């Protein structure tokens, strides 16, 4: 029974840690522009320069 209470406490701490990490990511702007990185791959200029 003691192990059960330990696991419950660890689970609660884990959920709190994940919640704080998600809150920090949202507040710091990690999810502001999710399309920029996806479209930057398509806009990359990988053409070979024949002048070199």
PDB file of N, CA and C in Angstrom:
ATOM      1  N   UNK A   1       0.821  -1.198   0.000  1.00  0.00           N
ATOM      2  CA  UNK A   1       0.000   0.000   0.000  1.00  0.00           C
ATOM      3  C   UNK A   1       0.863   1.259   0.000  1.00  0.00           C
ATOM      4  N   UNK A   2       2.043   1.174   0.651  1.00  0.00           N
ATOM      5  CA  UNK A   2       2.938   2.331   0.652  1.00  0.00           C
ATOM      6  C   UNK A   2       3.441   2.642  -0.751  1.00  0.00           C
ATOM      7  N   UNK A   3       3.692   1.607  -1.540  1.00  0.00           N
ATOM      8  CA  UNK A   3       4.152   1.817  -2.917  1.00  0.00           C
ATOM      9  C   UNK A   3       3.062   2.502  -3.740  1.00  0.00           C
ATOM     10  N   UNK A   4       1.814   2.187  -3.471  1.00  0.00           N
ATOM     11  CA  UNK A   4       0.696   2.808  -4.188  1.00  0.00           C
ATOM     12  C   UNK A   4       0.670   4.316  -3.946  1.00  0.00           C
ATOM     13  N   UNK A   5       0.830   4.726  -2.696  1.00  0.00           N
ATOM     14  CA  UNK A   5       0.836   6.153  -2.379  1.00  0.00           C
ATOM     15  C   UNK A   5       2.061   6.847  -2.969  1.00  0.00           C
ATOM     16  N   UNK A   6       3.175   6.168  -3.019  1.00  0.00           N
ATOM     17  CA  UNK A   6       4.372   6.730  -3.643  1.00  0.00           C
ATOM     18  C   UNK A   6       4.152   6.936  -5.136  1.00  0.00           C
ATOM     19  N   UNK A   7       3.545   5.964  -5.791  1.00  0.00           N
ATOM     20  CA  UNK A   7       3.283   6.093  -7.223  1.00  0.00           C
ATOM     21  C   UNK A   7       2.268   7.190  -7.515  1.00  0.00           C
ATOM     22  N   UNK A   8       1.276   7.344  -6.659  1.00  0.00           N
ATOM     23  CA  UNK A   8       0.295   8.425  -6.828  1.00  0.00           C
ATOM     24  C   UNK A   8       0.992   9.779  -6.698  1.00  0.00           C
ATOM     25  N   UNK A   9       1.854   9.918  -5.707  1.00  0.00           N
ATOM     26  CA  UNK A   9       2.574  11.177  -5.508  1.00  0.00           C
ATOM     27  C   UNK A   9       3.490  11.462  -6.693  1.00  0.00           C
ATOM     28  N   UNK A  10       4.191  10.463  -7.191  1.00  0.00           N
ATOM     29  CA  UNK A  10       5.063  10.656  -8.349  1.00  0.00           C
ATOM     30  C   UNK A  10       4.260  11.016  -9.597  1.00  0.00           C
ATOM     31  N   UNK A  11       3.107  10.413  -9.765  1.00  0.00           N
ATOM     32  CA  UNK A  11       2.259  10.721 -10.918  1.00  0.00           C
ATOM     33  C   UNK A  11       1.758  12.164 -10.859  1.00  0.00           C
ATOM     34  N   UNK A  12       1.381  12.619  -9.678  1.00  0.00           N
ATOM     35  CA  UNK A  12       0.919  13.995  -9.521  1.00  0.00           C
ATOM     36  C   UNK A  12       2.055  14.970  -9.811  1.00  0.00           C
ATOM     37  N   UNK A  13       3.242  14.682  -9.314  1.00  0.00           N
ATOM     38  CA  UNK A  13       4.402  15.538  -9.592  1.00  0.00           C
ATOM     39  C   UNK A  13       4.734  15.552 -11.077  1.00  0.00           C
ATOM     40  N   UNK A  14       4.619  14.414 -11.730  1.00  0.00           N
ATOM     41  CA  UNK A  14       4.877  14.327 -13.163  1.00  0.00           C
ATOM     42  C   UNK A  14       3.873  15.156 -13.949  1.00  0.00           C
ATOM     43  N   UNK A  15       2.616  15.082 -13.594  1.00  0.00           N
ATOM     44  CA  UNK A  15       1.575  15.859 -14.283  1.00  0.00           C
ATOM     45  C   UNK A  15       1.799  17.356 -14.073  1.00  0.00           C
ATOM     46  N   UNK A  16       2.190  17.740 -12.863  1.00  0.00           N
ATOM     47  CA  UNK A  16       2.475  19.155 -12.587  1.00  0.00           C
ATOM     48  C   UNK A  16       3.672  19.618 -13.413  1.00  0.00           C
ATOM     49  N   UNK A  17       4.714  18.800 -13.500  1.00  0.00           N
ATOM     50  CA  UNK A  17       5.892  19.153 -14.286  1.00  0.00           C
ATOM     51  C   UNK A  17       5.541  19.319 -15.759  1.00  0.00           C
ATOM     52  N   UNK A  18       4.760  18.403 -16.325  1.00  0.00           N
ATOM     53  CA  UNK A  18       4.346  18.500 -17.724  1.00  0.00           C
ATOM     54  C   UNK A  18       3.476  19.742 -17.942  1.00  0.00           C
ATOM     55  N   UNK A  19       2.598  20.038 -17.009  1.00  0.00           N
ATOM     56  CA  UNK A  19       1.763  21.235 -17.125  1.00  0.00           C
ATOM     57  C   UNK A  19       2.577  22.508 -17.111  1.00  0.00           C
ATOM     58  N   UNK A  20       3.579  22.579 -16.241  1.00  0.00           N
ATOM     59  CA  UNK A  20       4.443  23.760 -16.186  1.00  0.00           C
ATOM     60  C   UNK A  20       5.254  23.887 -17.471  1.00  0.00           C
ATOM     61  N   UNK A  21       5.759  22.768 -17.990  1.00  0.00           N
ATOM     62  CA  UNK A  21       6.527  22.807 -19.235  1.00  0.00           C
ATOM     63  C   UNK A  21       5.654  23.268 -20.405  1.00  0.00           C
ATOM     64  N   UNK A  22       4.432  22.795 -20.481  1.00  0.00           N
ATOM     65  CA  UNK A  22       3.523  23.218 -21.546  1.00  0.00           C
ATOM     66  C   UNK A  22       3.157  24.688 -21.396  1.00  0.00           C
ATOM     67  N   UNK A  23       2.901  25.124 -20.172  1.00  0.00           N
ATOM     68  CA  UNK A  23       2.587  26.532 -19.925  1.00  0.00           C
ATOM     69  C   UNK A  23       3.760  27.423 -20.333  1.00  0.00           C
ATOM     70  N   UNK A  24       4.982  27.013 -19.996  1.00  0.00           N
ATOM     71  CA  UNK A  24       6.170  27.794 -20.363  1.00  0.00           C
ATOM     72  C   UNK A  24       6.321  27.861 -21.880  1.00  0.00           C
ATOM     73  N   UNK A  25       6.059  26.757 -22.573  1.00  0.00           N
ATOM     74  CA  UNK A  25       6.194  26.733 -24.025  1.00  0.00           C
ATOM     75  C   UNK A  25       5.180  27.658 -24.688  1.00  0.00           C
ATOM     76  N   UNK A  26       3.973  27.690 -24.167  1.00  0.00           N
ATOM     77  CA  UNK A  26       2.940  28.558 -24.745  1.00  0.00           C
ATOM     78  C   UNK A  26       3.259  30.023 -24.463  1.00  0.00           C
ATOM     79  N   UNK A  27       3.662  30.333 -23.232  1.00  0.00           N
ATOM     80  CA  UNK A  27       3.957  31.714 -22.860  1.00  0.00           C
ATOM     81  C   UNK A  27       5.186  32.249 -23.594  1.00  0.00           C
ATOM     82  N   UNK A  28       6.193  31.404 -23.832  1.00  0.00           N
ATOM     83  CA  UNK A  28       7.423  31.874 -24.466  1.00  0.00           C
ATOM     84  C   UNK A  28       7.298  31.969 -25.981  1.00  0.00           C
ATOM     85  N   UNK A  29       6.162  31.580 -26.546  1.00  0.00           N
ATOM     86  CA  UNK A  29       5.933  31.764 -27.975  1.00  0.00           C
ATOM     87  C   UNK A  29       6.392  30.614 -28.842  1.00  0.00           C
ATOM     88  N   UNK A  30       6.505  29.429 -28.308  1.00  0.00           N
ATOM     89  CA  UNK A  30       6.947  28.285 -29.092  1.00  0.00           C
ATOM     90  C   UNK A  30       5.939  27.896 -30.173  1.00  0.00           C
ATOM     91  N   UNK A  31       4.677  28.219 -29.976  1.00  0.00           N
ATOM     92  CA  UNK A  31       3.638  27.808 -30.904  1.00  0.00           C
ATOM     93  C   UNK A  31       3.041  28.988 -31.665  1.00  0.00           C
ATOM     94  N   UNK A  32       3.749  30.104 -31.745  1.00  0.00           N
ATOM     95  CA  UNK A  32       3.208  31.281 -32.416  1.00  0.00           C
ATOM     96  C   UNK A  32       3.116  31.095 -33.927  1.00  0.00           C
ATOM     97  N   UNK A  33       4.189  30.631 -34.557  1.00  0.00           N
ATOM     98  CA  UNK A  33       4.205  30.490 -36.013  1.00  0.00           C
ATOM     99  C   UNK A  33       4.650  29.078 -36.364  1.00  0.00           C
ATOM    100  N   UNK A  34       3.698  28.170 -36.421  1.00  0.00           N
ATOM    101  CA  UNK A  34       4.042  26.770 -36.675  1.00  0.00           C
ATOM    102  C   UNK A  34       4.212  26.480 -38.163  1.00  0.00           C
ATOM    103  N   UNK A  35       3.780  27.376 -39.037  1.00  0.00           N
ATOM    104  CA  UNK A  35       3.886  27.142 -40.472  1.00  0.00           C
ATOM    105  C   UNK A  35       5.206  27.628 -41.055  1.00  0.00           C
ATOM    106  N   UNK A  36       5.935  28.481 -40.336  1.00  0.00           N
ATOM    107  CA  UNK A  36       7.173  29.046 -40.878  1.00  0.00           C
ATOM    108  C   UNK A  36       8.207  27.969 -41.167  1.00  0.00           C
ATOM    109  N   UNK A  37       8.438  27.064 -40.225  1.00  0.00           N
ATOM    110  CA  UNK A  37       9.438  26.029 -40.438  1.00  0.00           C
ATOM    111  C   UNK A  37       8.993  25.026 -41.497  1.00  0.00           C
ATOM    112  N   UNK A  38       7.709  24.783 -41.595  1.00  0.00           N
ATOM    113  CA  UNK A  38       7.223  23.851 -42.604  1.00  0.00           C
ATOM    114  C   UNK A  38       7.390  24.422 -44.005  1.00  0.00           C
ATOM    115  N   UNK A  39       7.164  25.693 -44.178  1.00  0.00           N
ATOM    116  CA  UNK A  39       7.293  26.281 -45.511  1.00  0.00           C
ATOM    117  C   UNK A  39       8.729  26.663 -45.850  1.00  0.00           C
ATOM    118  N   UNK A  40       9.596  26.793 -44.864  1.00  0.00           N
ATOM    119  CA  UNK A  40      10.985  27.152 -45.160  1.00  0.00           C
ATOM    120  C   UNK A  40      11.707  26.038 -45.903  1.00  0.00           C
ATOM    121  N   UNK A  41      11.280  24.802 -45.730  1.00  0.00           N
ATOM    122  CA  UNK A  41      11.880  23.694 -46.465  1.00  0.00           C
ATOM    123  C   UNK A  41      11.559  23.824 -47.946  1.00  0.00           C
ATOM    124  N   UNK A  42      10.335  24.227 -48.256  1.00  0.00           N
ATOM    125  CA  UNK A  42       9.924  24.353 -49.652  1.00  0.00           C
ATOM    126  C   UNK A  42      10.540  25.569 -50.327  1.00  0.00           C
ATOM    127  N   UNK A  43      10.847  26.610 -49.584  1.00  0.00           N
ATOM    128  CA  UNK A  43      11.383  27.845 -50.146  1.00  0.00           C
ATOM    129  C   UNK A  43      12.903  27.850 -50.210  1.00  0.00           C
ATOM    130  N   UNK A  44      13.554  26.805 -49.749  1.00  0.00           N
ATOM    131  CA  UNK A  44      14.998  26.752 -49.735  1.00  0.00           C
ATOM    132  C   UNK A  44      15.539  26.664 -51.153  1.00  0.00           C
ATOM    133  N   UNK A  45      16.582  27.438 -51.440  1.00  0.00           N
ATOM    134  CA  UNK A  45      17.161  27.467 -52.779  1.00  0.00           C
ATOM    135  C   UNK A  45      18.378  26.540 -52.818  1.00  0.00           C
ATOM    136  N   UNK A  46      18.177  25.352 -53.344  1.00  0.00           N
ATOM    137  CA  UNK A  46      19.250  24.374 -53.450  1.00  0.00           C
ATOM    138  C   UNK A  46      19.780  24.243 -54.871  1.00  0.00           C
ATOM    139  N   UNK A  47      19.541  25.236 -55.699  1.00  0.00           N
ATOM    140  CA  UNK A  47      19.969  25.139 -57.085  1.00  0.00           C
ATOM    141  C   UNK A  47      21.491  25.244 -57.178  1.00  0.00           C
ATOM    142  N   UNK A  48      22.033  24.604 -58.187  1.00  0.00           N
ATOM    143  CA  UNK A  48      23.475  24.613 -58.395  1.00  0.00           C
ATOM    144  C   UNK A  48      23.834  25.842 -59.204  1.00  0.00           C
ATOM    145  N   UNK A  49      24.842  26.566 -58.770  1.00  0.00           N
ATOM    146  CA  UNK A  49      25.257  27.778 -59.463  1.00  0.00           C
ATOM    147  C   UNK A  49      26.253  27.395 -60.561  1.00  0.00           C
ATOM    148  N   UNK A  50      25.887  27.553 -61.847  1.00  0.00           N
ATOM    149  CA  UNK A  50      26.786  27.144 -62.936  1.00  0.00           C
ATOM    150  C   UNK A  50      27.976  28.082 -63.109  1.00  0.00           C
ATOM    151  N   UNK A  51      27.962  29.260 -62.469  1.00  0.00           N
ATOM    152  CA  UNK A  51      29.049  30.223 -62.625  1.00  0.00           C
ATOM    153  C   UNK A  51      30.296  29.836 -61.845  1.00  0.00           C
ATOM    154  N   UNK A  52      30.175  28.943 -60.892  1.00  0.00           N
ATOM    155  CA  UNK A  52      31.327  28.580 -60.058  1.00  0.00           C
ATOM    156  C   UNK A  52      32.229  27.605 -60.730  1.00  0.00           C
TER     157      UNK A  52
END
